[in-house]
Amino acid sequence: MTWQRAPAAAALVGKLSAAVAAGTLPVTVFDKPPATLNAPALVVGRPLEVRYATAAFGIDEAELPVVVVAGADGDDMLDSLITTVREAVAPDPTLGGVVQSAIVSLERNWRNLTVAGADVLTADVLLTIQM
């Protein structure tokens, strides 16, 4: 396998969508960064880094962020959504057989942003994906 963002993102969106469907609040899941959004949301980002042939010839490793978005004062909501991302990926690290391995490796960069005039709180959940 070699890195391909589209199938990895689609598989991840499927897992995340199923996980948030069980919740009480409607959470939108995006397969790529949109021009604008409303909180709460999960956004599969663009790869931060792709390393080719790391584990073996033809097996690439990518760092793919999921941006977690809550209301500006939504610290508890953001923390809960981060847990949701972790719990959505952990039971099936192959994302339905699309990747060889997807591991939630870290959480970082809590920050307040203004998106289309709305204040939001965001954080990045970083997945290390071998494909």
N, C-alpha and C. Protein backbone atom coordinates (compact mmCIF):
# COMPACT_ATOMS: atom_id res chain seq x y z
N MET A 1 0.84 -1.19 0.00
CA MET A 1 0.00 0.00 0.00
C MET A 1 0.88 1.24 0.00
N THR A 2 0.42 2.26 -0.62
CA THR A 2 1.08 3.56 -0.54
C THR A 2 0.04 4.59 -0.11
N TRP A 3 0.53 5.71 0.42
CA TRP A 3 -0.36 6.73 0.97
C TRP A 3 -1.29 7.30 -0.09
N GLN A 4 -2.57 7.32 0.24
CA GLN A 4 -3.60 7.98 -0.54
C GLN A 4 -4.56 8.62 0.45
N ARG A 5 -4.66 9.93 0.41
CA ARG A 5 -5.47 10.63 1.39
C ARG A 5 -6.95 10.32 1.27
N ALA A 6 -7.48 10.31 0.05
CA ALA A 6 -8.94 10.18 -0.15
C ALA A 6 -9.52 8.92 0.50
N PRO A 7 -9.00 7.72 0.25
CA PRO A 7 -9.61 6.55 0.89
C PRO A 7 -9.41 6.53 2.41
N ALA A 8 -8.27 7.01 2.87
CA ALA A 8 -8.04 7.06 4.32
C ALA A 8 -9.01 8.03 4.98
N ALA A 9 -9.20 9.20 4.38
CA ALA A 9 -10.12 10.19 4.93
C ALA A 9 -11.56 9.67 4.90
N ALA A 10 -11.96 9.03 3.82
CA ALA A 10 -13.33 8.50 3.72
C ALA A 10 -13.58 7.44 4.80
N ALA A 11 -12.63 6.56 5.01
CA ALA A 11 -12.78 5.54 6.05
C ALA A 11 -12.84 6.17 7.43
N LEU A 12 -12.02 7.17 7.66
CA LEU A 12 -12.02 7.86 8.94
C LEU A 12 -13.34 8.61 9.17
N VAL A 13 -13.85 9.26 8.15
CA VAL A 13 -15.14 9.94 8.25
C VAL A 13 -16.24 8.94 8.61
N GLY A 14 -16.21 7.77 8.01
CA GLY A 14 -17.20 6.73 8.33
C GLY A 14 -17.17 6.35 9.80
N LYS A 15 -15.97 6.14 10.34
CA LYS A 15 -15.82 5.79 11.75
C LYS A 15 -16.27 6.93 12.65
N LEU A 16 -15.86 8.16 12.33
CA LEU A 16 -16.21 9.31 13.14
C LEU A 16 -17.71 9.61 13.09
N SER A 17 -18.30 9.50 11.91
CA SER A 17 -19.74 9.74 11.75
C SER A 17 -20.56 8.75 12.58
N ALA A 18 -20.15 7.49 12.56
CA ALA A 18 -20.85 6.48 13.35
C ALA A 18 -20.70 6.78 14.84
N ALA A 19 -19.54 7.23 15.26
CA ALA A 19 -19.31 7.51 16.68
C ALA A 19 -20.13 8.70 17.17
N VAL A 20 -20.22 9.76 16.38
CA VAL A 20 -20.96 10.94 16.83
C VAL A 20 -22.47 10.75 16.68
N ALA A 21 -22.90 9.82 15.85
CA ALA A 21 -24.34 9.57 15.67
C ALA A 21 -24.97 9.08 16.97
N ALA A 22 -24.19 8.45 17.82
CA ALA A 22 -24.71 7.93 19.08
C ALA A 22 -24.85 9.02 20.14
N GLY A 23 -24.29 10.19 19.89
CA GLY A 23 -24.32 11.28 20.87
C GLY A 23 -25.63 12.05 20.85
N THR A 24 -25.74 12.98 21.80
CA THR A 24 -26.97 13.76 21.92
C THR A 24 -26.95 15.04 21.09
N LEU A 25 -25.75 15.56 20.78
CA LEU A 25 -25.63 16.77 19.97
C LEU A 25 -25.30 16.42 18.53
N PRO A 26 -25.85 17.16 17.58
CA PRO A 26 -25.44 16.93 16.19
C PRO A 26 -24.03 17.48 15.96
N VAL A 27 -23.15 16.60 15.53
CA VAL A 27 -21.76 16.97 15.23
C VAL A 27 -21.53 16.70 13.76
N THR A 28 -21.07 17.71 13.03
CA THR A 28 -20.79 17.55 11.61
C THR A 28 -19.38 17.02 11.44
N VAL A 29 -19.22 16.05 10.53
CA VAL A 29 -17.91 15.49 10.24
C VAL A 29 -17.57 15.83 8.79
N PHE A 30 -16.43 16.48 8.59
CA PHE A 30 -15.98 16.88 7.26
C PHE A 30 -14.81 16.02 6.82
N ASP A 31 -14.78 15.68 5.53
CA ASP A 31 -13.67 14.86 5.00
C ASP A 31 -12.46 15.70 4.61
N LYS A 32 -12.61 17.02 4.62
CA LYS A 32 -11.51 17.94 4.34
C LYS A 32 -11.88 19.29 4.93
N PRO A 33 -10.93 20.17 5.14
CA PRO A 33 -11.24 21.46 5.73
C PRO A 33 -12.20 22.26 4.85
N PRO A 34 -13.35 22.67 5.42
CA PRO A 34 -14.32 23.46 4.66
C PRO A 34 -13.97 24.94 4.70
N ALA A 35 -14.63 25.72 3.88
CA ALA A 35 -14.41 27.17 3.88
C ALA A 35 -14.93 27.79 5.17
N THR A 36 -15.99 27.24 5.71
CA THR A 36 -16.54 27.72 6.98
C THR A 36 -17.29 26.56 7.64
N LEU A 37 -17.55 26.68 8.93
CA LEU A 37 -18.23 25.61 9.65
C LEU A 37 -18.88 26.16 10.90
N ASN A 38 -19.74 25.35 11.48
CA ASN A 38 -20.35 25.66 12.77
C ASN A 38 -19.92 24.58 13.76
N ALA A 39 -19.74 24.98 15.00
CA ALA A 39 -19.39 24.03 16.05
C ALA A 39 -20.67 23.34 16.53
N PRO A 40 -20.57 22.11 16.98
CA PRO A 40 -19.40 21.26 17.05
C PRO A 40 -19.14 20.56 15.71
N ALA A 41 -17.87 20.27 15.47
CA ALA A 41 -17.49 19.63 14.22
C ALA A 41 -16.18 18.86 14.39
N LEU A 42 -16.01 17.88 13.52
CA LEU A 42 -14.75 17.15 13.38
C LEU A 42 -14.32 17.31 11.93
N VAL A 43 -13.07 17.71 11.72
CA VAL A 43 -12.58 17.98 10.36
C VAL A 43 -11.33 17.14 10.11
N VAL A 44 -11.42 16.23 9.14
CA VAL A 44 -10.22 15.49 8.75
C VAL A 44 -9.36 16.45 7.96
N GLY A 45 -8.17 16.69 8.48
CA GLY A 45 -7.29 17.68 7.87
C GLY A 45 -6.46 17.14 6.73
N ARG A 46 -5.51 17.94 6.35
CA ARG A 46 -4.56 17.54 5.30
C ARG A 46 -3.32 16.99 5.97
N PRO A 47 -2.63 16.05 5.34
CA PRO A 47 -1.47 15.45 6.01
C PRO A 47 -0.40 16.49 6.36
N LEU A 48 0.13 16.35 7.57
CA LEU A 48 1.21 17.24 7.99
C LEU A 48 2.53 16.78 7.41
N GLU A 49 2.66 15.47 7.31
CA GLU A 49 3.90 14.89 6.79
C GLU A 49 3.61 13.49 6.29
N VAL A 50 4.22 13.12 5.18
CA VAL A 50 4.13 11.76 4.66
C VAL A 50 5.56 11.27 4.46
N ARG A 51 5.86 10.14 5.08
CA ARG A 51 7.18 9.53 4.94
C ARG A 51 7.02 8.26 4.09
N TYR A 52 7.75 8.21 3.00
CA TYR A 52 7.61 7.10 2.07
C TYR A 52 8.49 5.92 2.46
N ALA A 53 7.97 4.72 2.24
CA ALA A 53 8.69 3.46 2.45
C ALA A 53 9.36 3.40 3.81
N THR A 54 8.60 3.66 4.87
CA THR A 54 9.18 3.67 6.21
C THR A 54 9.27 2.28 6.83
N ALA A 55 8.17 1.56 6.86
CA ALA A 55 8.17 0.22 7.46
C ALA A 55 8.73 -0.82 6.51
N ALA A 56 8.49 -0.64 5.25
CA ALA A 56 8.97 -1.53 4.20
C ALA A 56 8.73 -0.83 2.87
N PHE A 57 9.30 -1.38 1.83
CA PHE A 57 9.10 -0.80 0.51
C PHE A 57 7.60 -0.77 0.21
N GLY A 58 7.09 0.39 -0.15
CA GLY A 58 5.68 0.53 -0.50
C GLY A 58 4.76 0.76 0.67
N ILE A 59 5.29 0.89 1.88
CA ILE A 59 4.45 1.19 3.04
C ILE A 59 4.82 2.59 3.52
N ASP A 60 3.88 3.50 3.36
CA ASP A 60 4.12 4.90 3.72
C ASP A 60 3.50 5.19 5.08
N GLU A 61 4.02 6.22 5.74
CA GLU A 61 3.48 6.64 7.02
C GLU A 61 3.12 8.12 6.95
N ALA A 62 1.89 8.43 7.32
CA ALA A 62 1.40 9.80 7.25
C ALA A 62 0.93 10.26 8.62
N GLU A 63 1.12 11.54 8.87
CA GLU A 63 0.59 12.19 10.07
C GLU A 63 -0.63 12.98 9.60
N LEU A 64 -1.82 12.55 10.03
CA LEU A 64 -3.06 13.16 9.58
C LEU A 64 -3.82 13.73 10.78
N PRO A 65 -4.05 15.05 10.80
CA PRO A 65 -4.77 15.63 11.93
C PRO A 65 -6.29 15.56 11.74
N VAL A 66 -6.98 15.42 12.85
CA VAL A 66 -8.41 15.63 12.90
C VAL A 66 -8.59 16.87 13.78
N VAL A 67 -9.15 17.92 13.20
CA VAL A 67 -9.37 19.15 13.95
C VAL A 67 -10.72 19.02 14.65
N VAL A 68 -10.70 19.17 15.96
CA VAL A 68 -11.90 19.06 16.78
C VAL A 68 -12.36 20.48 17.10
N VAL A 69 -13.64 20.78 16.87
CA VAL A 69 -14.16 22.14 17.00
C VAL A 69 -15.35 22.15 17.96
N ALA A 70 -15.30 23.06 18.94
CA ALA A 70 -16.40 23.25 19.88
C ALA A 70 -16.65 24.76 20.00
N GLY A 71 -17.67 25.13 20.75
CA GLY A 71 -17.92 26.54 21.02
C GLY A 71 -16.76 27.16 21.77
N ALA A 72 -16.66 28.46 21.73
CA ALA A 72 -15.51 29.18 22.31
C ALA A 72 -15.30 28.86 23.78
N ASP A 73 -16.35 28.60 24.52
CA ASP A 73 -16.21 28.26 25.94
C ASP A 73 -16.49 26.78 26.18
N GLY A 74 -16.31 25.97 25.15
CA GLY A 74 -16.67 24.56 25.20
C GLY A 74 -15.53 23.62 25.55
N ASP A 75 -14.78 23.92 26.59
CA ASP A 75 -13.66 23.07 26.97
C ASP A 75 -14.09 21.62 27.21
N ASP A 76 -15.18 21.44 27.96
CA ASP A 76 -15.65 20.08 28.24
C ASP A 76 -16.13 19.38 26.97
N MET A 77 -16.81 20.11 26.10
CA MET A 77 -17.27 19.55 24.82
C MET A 77 -16.08 19.14 23.97
N LEU A 78 -15.07 20.00 23.91
CA LEU A 78 -13.88 19.69 23.11
C LEU A 78 -13.21 18.44 23.65
N ASP A 79 -13.06 18.36 24.95
CA ASP A 79 -12.45 17.19 25.57
C ASP A 79 -13.25 15.93 25.27
N SER A 80 -14.57 16.04 25.32
CA SER A 80 -15.43 14.90 25.01
C SER A 80 -15.30 14.46 23.55
N LEU A 81 -15.22 15.43 22.63
CA LEU A 81 -15.06 15.10 21.21
C LEU A 81 -13.69 14.47 20.94
N ILE A 82 -12.67 14.91 21.63
CA ILE A 82 -11.34 14.30 21.49
C ILE A 82 -11.42 12.83 21.90
N THR A 83 -12.10 12.56 23.00
CA THR A 83 -12.29 11.18 23.45
C THR A 83 -13.07 10.38 22.41
N THR A 84 -14.06 11.00 21.80
CA THR A 84 -14.84 10.34 20.75
C THR A 84 -13.96 9.92 19.58
N VAL A 85 -13.06 10.80 19.16
CA VAL A 85 -12.14 10.47 18.06
C VAL A 85 -11.28 9.28 18.46
N ARG A 86 -10.73 9.31 19.66
CA ARG A 86 -9.88 8.21 20.12
C ARG A 86 -10.64 6.90 20.16
N GLU A 87 -11.86 6.94 20.68
CA GLU A 87 -12.67 5.73 20.80
C GLU A 87 -13.18 5.23 19.46
N ALA A 88 -13.32 6.11 18.49
CA ALA A 88 -13.79 5.69 17.15
C ALA A 88 -12.71 4.92 16.40
N VAL A 89 -11.45 5.28 16.62
CA VAL A 89 -10.34 4.66 15.87
C VAL A 89 -9.82 3.40 16.56
N ALA A 90 -9.78 3.39 17.88
CA ALA A 90 -9.13 2.31 18.64
C ALA A 90 -9.63 0.89 18.33
N PRO A 91 -10.94 0.65 18.23
CA PRO A 91 -11.39 -0.73 18.02
C PRO A 91 -11.00 -1.33 16.67
N ASP A 92 -10.80 -0.50 15.66
CA ASP A 92 -10.45 -1.00 14.33
C ASP A 92 -9.34 -0.12 13.74
N PRO A 93 -8.10 -0.36 14.13
CA PRO A 93 -7.00 0.49 13.65
C PRO A 93 -6.70 0.35 12.15
N THR A 94 -7.41 -0.56 11.47
CA THR A 94 -7.22 -0.65 10.01
C THR A 94 -8.27 0.18 9.26
N LEU A 95 -9.15 0.83 10.01
CA LEU A 95 -10.24 1.63 9.41
C LEU A 95 -11.00 0.82 8.36
N GLY A 96 -11.40 -0.38 8.76
CA GLY A 96 -12.16 -1.24 7.86
C GLY A 96 -11.31 -1.88 6.78
N GLY A 97 -10.02 -2.00 7.01
CA GLY A 97 -9.12 -2.62 6.04
C GLY A 97 -8.56 -1.65 5.01
N VAL A 98 -8.86 -0.37 5.14
CA VAL A 98 -8.38 0.63 4.17
C VAL A 98 -6.91 0.96 4.39
N VAL A 99 -6.47 0.95 5.66
CA VAL A 99 -5.07 1.24 5.99
C VAL A 99 -4.49 0.06 6.76
N GLN A 100 -3.18 0.01 6.84
CA GLN A 100 -2.57 -1.05 7.64
C GLN A 100 -2.67 -0.75 9.12
N SER A 101 -2.54 0.52 9.48
CA SER A 101 -2.58 0.90 10.88
C SER A 101 -2.92 2.38 11.01
N ALA A 102 -3.82 2.69 11.92
CA ALA A 102 -4.14 4.07 12.26
C ALA A 102 -4.16 4.16 13.78
N ILE A 103 -3.28 4.97 14.31
CA ILE A 103 -3.15 5.10 15.76
C ILE A 103 -3.28 6.57 16.13
N VAL A 104 -4.12 6.86 17.10
CA VAL A 104 -4.19 8.22 17.62
C VAL A 104 -2.94 8.42 18.46
N SER A 105 -2.03 9.26 17.96
CA SER A 105 -0.72 9.37 18.60
C SER A 105 -0.59 10.56 19.54
N LEU A 106 -1.35 11.63 19.32
CA LEU A 106 -1.26 12.75 20.25
C LEU A 106 -2.38 13.75 20.04
N GLU A 107 -2.53 14.59 21.05
CA GLU A 107 -3.48 15.70 21.03
C GLU A 107 -2.64 16.95 21.27
N ARG A 108 -2.96 18.01 20.53
CA ARG A 108 -2.15 19.22 20.69
C ARG A 108 -2.89 20.47 20.23
N ASN A 109 -2.30 21.60 20.55
CA ASN A 109 -2.65 22.88 19.96
C ASN A 109 -4.07 23.35 20.26
N TRP A 110 -4.50 23.28 21.52
CA TRP A 110 -5.78 23.88 21.88
C TRP A 110 -5.67 25.37 21.61
N ARG A 111 -6.67 25.94 20.94
CA ARG A 111 -6.62 27.36 20.59
C ARG A 111 -8.00 27.89 20.30
N ASN A 112 -8.19 29.19 20.54
CA ASN A 112 -9.42 29.86 20.14
C ASN A 112 -9.20 30.49 18.77
N LEU A 113 -10.20 30.36 17.91
CA LEU A 113 -10.15 30.91 16.56
C LEU A 113 -11.47 31.63 16.28
N THR A 114 -11.44 32.48 15.29
CA THR A 114 -12.66 33.07 14.76
C THR A 114 -12.85 32.55 13.35
N VAL A 115 -13.98 31.89 13.11
CA VAL A 115 -14.29 31.31 11.81
C VAL A 115 -15.57 31.97 11.31
N ALA A 116 -15.46 32.72 10.22
CA ALA A 116 -16.61 33.42 9.63
C ALA A 116 -17.38 34.24 10.67
N GLY A 117 -16.63 34.88 11.56
CA GLY A 117 -17.24 35.74 12.56
C GLY A 117 -17.66 35.04 13.84
N ALA A 118 -17.54 33.74 13.90
CA ALA A 118 -17.92 32.98 15.10
C ALA A 118 -16.67 32.54 15.84
N ASP A 119 -16.67 32.70 17.15
CA ASP A 119 -15.55 32.27 17.97
C ASP A 119 -15.71 30.79 18.31
N VAL A 120 -14.64 30.03 18.11
CA VAL A 120 -14.65 28.60 18.40
C VAL A 120 -13.37 28.22 19.13
N LEU A 121 -13.42 27.07 19.78
CA LEU A 121 -12.27 26.47 20.43
C LEU A 121 -11.92 25.22 19.64
N THR A 122 -10.66 25.05 19.28
CA THR A 122 -10.25 23.89 18.49
C THR A 122 -9.03 23.22 19.10
N ALA A 123 -8.83 21.99 18.73
CA ALA A 123 -7.62 21.24 19.08
C ALA A 123 -7.38 20.24 17.96
N ASP A 124 -6.15 19.78 17.85
CA ASP A 124 -5.78 18.79 16.85
C ASP A 124 -5.58 17.43 17.53
N VAL A 125 -6.15 16.40 16.93
CA VAL A 125 -5.88 15.02 17.32
C VAL A 125 -5.11 14.43 16.15
N LEU A 126 -3.89 13.99 16.41
CA LEU A 126 -3.02 13.54 15.34
C LEU A 126 -3.05 12.02 15.22
N LEU A 127 -3.32 11.54 14.02
CA LEU A 127 -3.28 10.12 13.73
C LEU A 127 -2.01 9.79 12.96
N THR A 128 -1.36 8.73 13.34
CA THR A 128 -0.23 8.19 12.60
C THR A 128 -0.77 7.01 11.80
N ILE A 129 -0.73 7.13 10.48
CA ILE A 129 -1.34 6.13 9.60
C ILE A 129 -0.27 5.48 8.74
N GLN A 130 -0.25 4.16 8.75
CA GLN A 130 0.59 3.41 7.81
C GLN A 130 -0.32 2.85 6.73
N MET A 131 0.12 3.04 5.50
CA MET A 131 -0.70 2.64 4.35
C MET A 131 0.21 2.24 3.22
